């Protein structure tokens, strides 16, 4: 299964955000406290 995008609505620091993933390897980077883990937790929550 390939994840093409993630849409976050009212999740922690995200009021409404859509994140698109390209084919291949994608990286998530940013400063501390800017929501990187929130993106990964949301994907995990949606899958399980």
PDB file of N, CA and C in Angstrom:
ATOM      1  N   UNK A   1       0.846  -1.169   0.000  1.00  0.00           N
ATOM      2  CA  UNK A   1       0.000   0.000   0.000  1.00  0.00           C
ATOM      3  C   UNK A   1       0.896   1.237   0.000  1.00  0.00           C
ATOM      4  N   UNK A   2       0.580   2.173  -0.867  1.00  0.00           N
ATOM      5  CA  UNK A   2       1.303   3.439  -0.908  1.00  0.00           C
ATOM      6  C   UNK A   2       0.409   4.549  -0.377  1.00  0.00           C
ATOM      7  N   UNK A   3       0.960   5.378   0.449  1.00  0.00           N
ATOM      8  CA  UNK A   3       0.224   6.526   0.980  1.00  0.00           C
ATOM      9  C   UNK A   3       0.505   7.707   0.065  1.00  0.00           C
ATOM     10  N   UNK A   4      -0.539   8.241  -0.553  1.00  0.00           N
ATOM     11  CA  UNK A   4      -0.373   9.352  -1.485  1.00  0.00           C
ATOM     12  C   UNK A   4      -0.502  10.705  -0.802  1.00  0.00           C
ATOM     13  N   UNK A   5      -1.363  10.783   0.218  1.00  0.00           N
ATOM     14  CA  UNK A   5      -1.533  12.054   0.927  1.00  0.00           C
ATOM     15  C   UNK A   5      -2.125  11.797   2.310  1.00  0.00           C
ATOM     16  N   UNK A   6      -1.964  12.790   3.163  1.00  0.00           N
ATOM     17  CA  UNK A   6      -2.535  12.766   4.506  1.00  0.00           C
ATOM     18  C   UNK A   6      -3.218  14.109   4.720  1.00  0.00           C
ATOM     19  N   UNK A   7      -4.467  14.076   5.164  1.00  0.00           N
ATOM     20  CA  UNK A   7      -5.198  15.309   5.457  1.00  0.00           C
ATOM     21  C   UNK A   7      -5.456  15.364   6.957  1.00  0.00           C
ATOM     22  N   UNK A   8      -4.963  16.409   7.589  1.00  0.00           N
ATOM     23  CA  UNK A   8      -5.116  16.588   9.033  1.00  0.00           C
ATOM     24  C   UNK A   8      -6.084  17.735   9.297  1.00  0.00           C
ATOM     25  N   UNK A   9      -7.105  17.476  10.099  1.00  0.00           N
ATOM     26  CA  UNK A   9      -8.069  18.510  10.482  1.00  0.00           C
ATOM     27  C   UNK A   9      -8.178  18.519  11.997  1.00  0.00           C
ATOM     28  N   UNK A  10      -7.875  19.652  12.603  1.00  0.00           N
ATOM     29  CA  UNK A  10      -7.958  19.834  14.058  1.00  0.00           C
ATOM     30  C   UNK A  10      -7.192  18.755  14.824  1.00  0.00           C
ATOM     31  N   UNK A  11      -5.965  18.507  14.415  1.00  0.00           N
ATOM     32  CA  UNK A  11      -5.089  17.544  15.082  1.00  0.00           C
ATOM     33  C   UNK A  11      -3.901  18.312  15.639  1.00  0.00           C
ATOM     34  N   UNK A  12      -3.815  18.377  16.952  1.00  0.00           N
ATOM     35  CA  UNK A  12      -2.742  19.078  17.667  1.00  0.00           C
ATOM     36  C   UNK A  12      -2.490  20.455  17.059  1.00  0.00           C
ATOM     37  N   UNK A  13      -1.334  20.691  16.443  1.00  0.00           N
ATOM     38  CA  UNK A  13      -0.996  22.029  15.941  1.00  0.00           C
ATOM     39  C   UNK A  13      -1.536  22.299  14.533  1.00  0.00           C
ATOM     40  N   UNK A  14      -2.205  21.328  13.918  1.00  0.00           N
ATOM     41  CA  UNK A  14      -2.724  21.483  12.558  1.00  0.00           C
ATOM     42  C   UNK A  14      -4.224  21.758  12.592  1.00  0.00           C
ATOM     43  N   UNK A  15      -4.654  22.927  12.109  1.00  0.00           N
ATOM     44  CA  UNK A  15      -6.089  23.192  12.005  1.00  0.00           C
ATOM     45  C   UNK A  15      -6.644  22.547  10.735  1.00  0.00           C
ATOM     46  N   UNK A  16      -5.942  22.697   9.622  1.00  0.00           N
ATOM     47  CA  UNK A  16      -6.288  22.015   8.376  1.00  0.00           C
ATOM     48  C   UNK A  16      -5.057  22.004   7.489  1.00  0.00           C
ATOM     49  N   UNK A  17      -4.580  20.815   7.168  1.00  0.00           N
ATOM     50  CA  UNK A  17      -3.362  20.680   6.371  1.00  0.00           C
ATOM     51  C   UNK A  17      -3.454  19.407   5.541  1.00  0.00           C
ATOM     52  N   UNK A  18      -3.052  19.490   4.275  1.00  0.00           N
ATOM     53  CA  UNK A  18      -2.957  18.323   3.407  1.00  0.00           C
ATOM     54  C   UNK A  18      -1.503  18.155   3.008  1.00  0.00           C
ATOM     55  N   UNK A  19      -0.970  16.967   3.221  1.00  0.00           N
ATOM     56  CA  UNK A  19       0.427  16.678   2.921  1.00  0.00           C
ATOM     57  C   UNK A  19       0.457  15.642   1.807  1.00  0.00           C
ATOM     58  N   UNK A  20       1.085  15.985   0.682  1.00  0.00           N
ATOM     59  CA  UNK A  20       1.196  15.098  -0.470  1.00  0.00           C
ATOM     60  C   UNK A  20       2.546  14.389  -0.430  1.00  0.00           C
ATOM     61  N   UNK A  21       2.545  13.087  -0.713  1.00  0.00           N
ATOM     62  CA  UNK A  21       3.769  12.302  -0.782  1.00  0.00           C
ATOM     63  C   UNK A  21       4.038  11.925  -2.233  1.00  0.00           C
ATOM     64  N   UNK A  22       5.305  11.960  -2.632  1.00  0.00           N
ATOM     65  CA  UNK A  22       5.712  11.571  -3.974  1.00  0.00           C
ATOM     66  C   UNK A  22       6.084  10.096  -3.983  1.00  0.00           C
ATOM     67  N   UNK A  23       6.228   9.513  -5.178  1.00  0.00           N
ATOM     68  CA  UNK A  23       6.682   8.128  -5.274  1.00  0.00           C
ATOM     69  C   UNK A  23       8.118   8.043  -4.791  1.00  0.00           C
ATOM     70  N   UNK A  24       8.480   6.925  -4.200  1.00  0.00           N
ATOM     71  CA  UNK A  24       9.832   6.749  -3.691  1.00  0.00           C
ATOM     72  C   UNK A  24       9.898   7.043  -2.206  1.00  0.00           C
ATOM     73  N   UNK A  25      11.053   7.498  -1.778  1.00  0.00           N
ATOM     74  CA  UNK A  25      11.287   7.778  -0.363  1.00  0.00           C
ATOM     75  C   UNK A  25      10.991   9.244  -0.075  1.00  0.00           C
ATOM     76  N   UNK A  26      10.226   9.497   0.975  1.00  0.00           N
ATOM     77  CA  UNK A  26       9.899  10.856   1.405  1.00  0.00           C
ATOM     78  C   UNK A  26      10.440  11.062   2.809  1.00  0.00           C
ATOM     79  N   UNK A  27      10.923  12.244   3.078  1.00  0.00           N
ATOM     80  CA  UNK A  27      11.419  12.575   4.409  1.00  0.00           C
ATOM     81  C   UNK A  27      10.573  13.670   5.037  1.00  0.00           C
ATOM     82  N   UNK A  28      10.482  13.640   6.353  1.00  0.00           N
ATOM     83  CA  UNK A  28       9.771  14.673   7.102  1.00  0.00           C
ATOM     84  C   UNK A  28      10.788  15.313   8.031  1.00  0.00           C
ATOM     85  N   UNK A  29      11.061  16.585   7.823  1.00  0.00           N
ATOM     86  CA  UNK A  29      12.057  17.252   8.667  1.00  0.00           C
ATOM     87  C   UNK A  29      11.533  18.625   9.083  1.00  0.00           C
ATOM     88  N   UNK A  30      12.053  19.122  10.187  1.00  0.00           N
ATOM     89  CA  UNK A  30      11.652  20.419  10.708  1.00  0.00           C
ATOM     90  C   UNK A  30      12.182  20.608  12.110  1.00  0.00           C
ATOM     91  N   UNK A  31      11.925  21.763  12.662  1.00  0.00           N
ATOM     92  CA  UNK A  31      12.400  22.084  14.002  1.00  0.00           C
ATOM     93  C   UNK A  31      11.580  21.342  15.057  1.00  0.00           C
ATOM     94  N   UNK A  32      12.113  21.324  16.270  1.00  0.00           N
ATOM     95  CA  UNK A  32      11.411  20.687  17.388  1.00  0.00           C
ATOM     96  C   UNK A  32      10.065  21.365  17.630  1.00  0.00           C
ATOM     97  N   UNK A  33       9.042  20.561  17.883  1.00  0.00           N
ATOM     98  CA  UNK A  33       7.728  21.090  18.221  1.00  0.00           C
ATOM     99  C   UNK A  33       6.913  21.586  17.045  1.00  0.00           C
ATOM    100  N   UNK A  34       7.273  21.212  15.814  1.00  0.00           N
ATOM    101  CA  UNK A  34       6.542  21.698  14.649  1.00  0.00           C
ATOM    102  C   UNK A  34       5.647  20.653  14.000  1.00  0.00           C
ATOM    103  N   UNK A  35       5.467  19.481  14.638  1.00  0.00           N
ATOM    104  CA  UNK A  35       4.449  18.544  14.186  1.00  0.00           C
ATOM    105  C   UNK A  35       4.911  17.360  13.356  1.00  0.00           C
ATOM    106  N   UNK A  36       6.197  17.064  13.329  1.00  0.00           N
ATOM    107  CA  UNK A  36       6.674  15.913  12.560  1.00  0.00           C
ATOM    108  C   UNK A  36       6.092  14.610  13.103  1.00  0.00           C
ATOM    109  N   UNK A  37       6.149  14.435  14.388  1.00  0.00           N
ATOM    110  CA  UNK A  37       5.619  13.213  15.012  1.00  0.00           C
ATOM    111  C   UNK A  37       4.108  13.129  14.859  1.00  0.00           C
ATOM    112  N   UNK A  38       3.435  14.252  14.846  1.00  0.00           N
ATOM    113  CA  UNK A  38       1.980  14.272  14.674  1.00  0.00           C
ATOM    114  C   UNK A  38       1.593  13.669  13.329  1.00  0.00           C
ATOM    115  N   UNK A  39       2.363  13.957  12.294  1.00  0.00           N
ATOM    116  CA  UNK A  39       2.089  13.395  10.968  1.00  0.00           C
ATOM    117  C   UNK A  39       2.206  11.879  11.014  1.00  0.00           C
ATOM    118  N   UNK A  40       3.285  11.376  11.597  1.00  0.00           N
ATOM    119  CA  UNK A  40       3.495   9.927  11.671  1.00  0.00           C
ATOM    120  C   UNK A  40       2.468   9.249  12.566  1.00  0.00           C
ATOM    121  N   UNK A  41       2.121   9.869  13.682  1.00  0.00           N
ATOM    122  CA  UNK A  41       1.101   9.311  14.573  1.00  0.00           C
ATOM    123  C   UNK A  41      -0.254   9.247  13.873  1.00  0.00           C
ATOM    124  N   UNK A  42      -0.571  10.242  13.076  1.00  0.00           N
ATOM    125  CA  UNK A  42      -1.847  10.269  12.356  1.00  0.00           C
ATOM    126  C   UNK A  42      -1.917   9.155  11.321  1.00  0.00           C
ATOM    127  N   UNK A  43      -0.808   8.902  10.637  1.00  0.00           N
ATOM    128  CA  UNK A  43      -0.771   7.800   9.670  1.00  0.00           C
ATOM    129  C   UNK A  43      -0.977   6.475  10.400  1.00  0.00           C
ATOM    130  N   UNK A  44      -0.284   6.283  11.505  1.00  0.00           N
ATOM    131  CA  UNK A  44      -0.437   5.057  12.285  1.00  0.00           C
ATOM    132  C   UNK A  44      -1.853   4.874  12.800  1.00  0.00           C
ATOM    133  N   UNK A  45      -2.473   5.954  13.259  1.00  0.00           N
ATOM    134  CA  UNK A  45      -3.849   5.895  13.762  1.00  0.00           C
ATOM    135  C   UNK A  45      -4.814   5.493  12.641  1.00  0.00           C
ATOM    136  N   UNK A  46      -4.597   6.035  11.449  1.00  0.00           N
ATOM    137  CA  UNK A  46      -5.483   5.731  10.323  1.00  0.00           C
ATOM    138  C   UNK A  46      -5.343   4.277   9.865  1.00  0.00           C
ATOM    139  N   UNK A  47      -4.141   3.720   9.965  1.00  0.00           N
ATOM    140  CA  UNK A  47      -3.914   2.355   9.493  1.00  0.00           C
ATOM    141  C   UNK A  47      -4.369   1.298  10.488  1.00  0.00           C
ATOM    142  N   UNK A  48      -4.365   1.629  11.772  1.00  0.00           N
ATOM    143  CA  UNK A  48      -4.711   0.624  12.776  1.00  0.00           C
ATOM    144  C   UNK A  48      -5.923   1.088  13.511  1.00  0.00           C
TER     145      UNK A  48
END
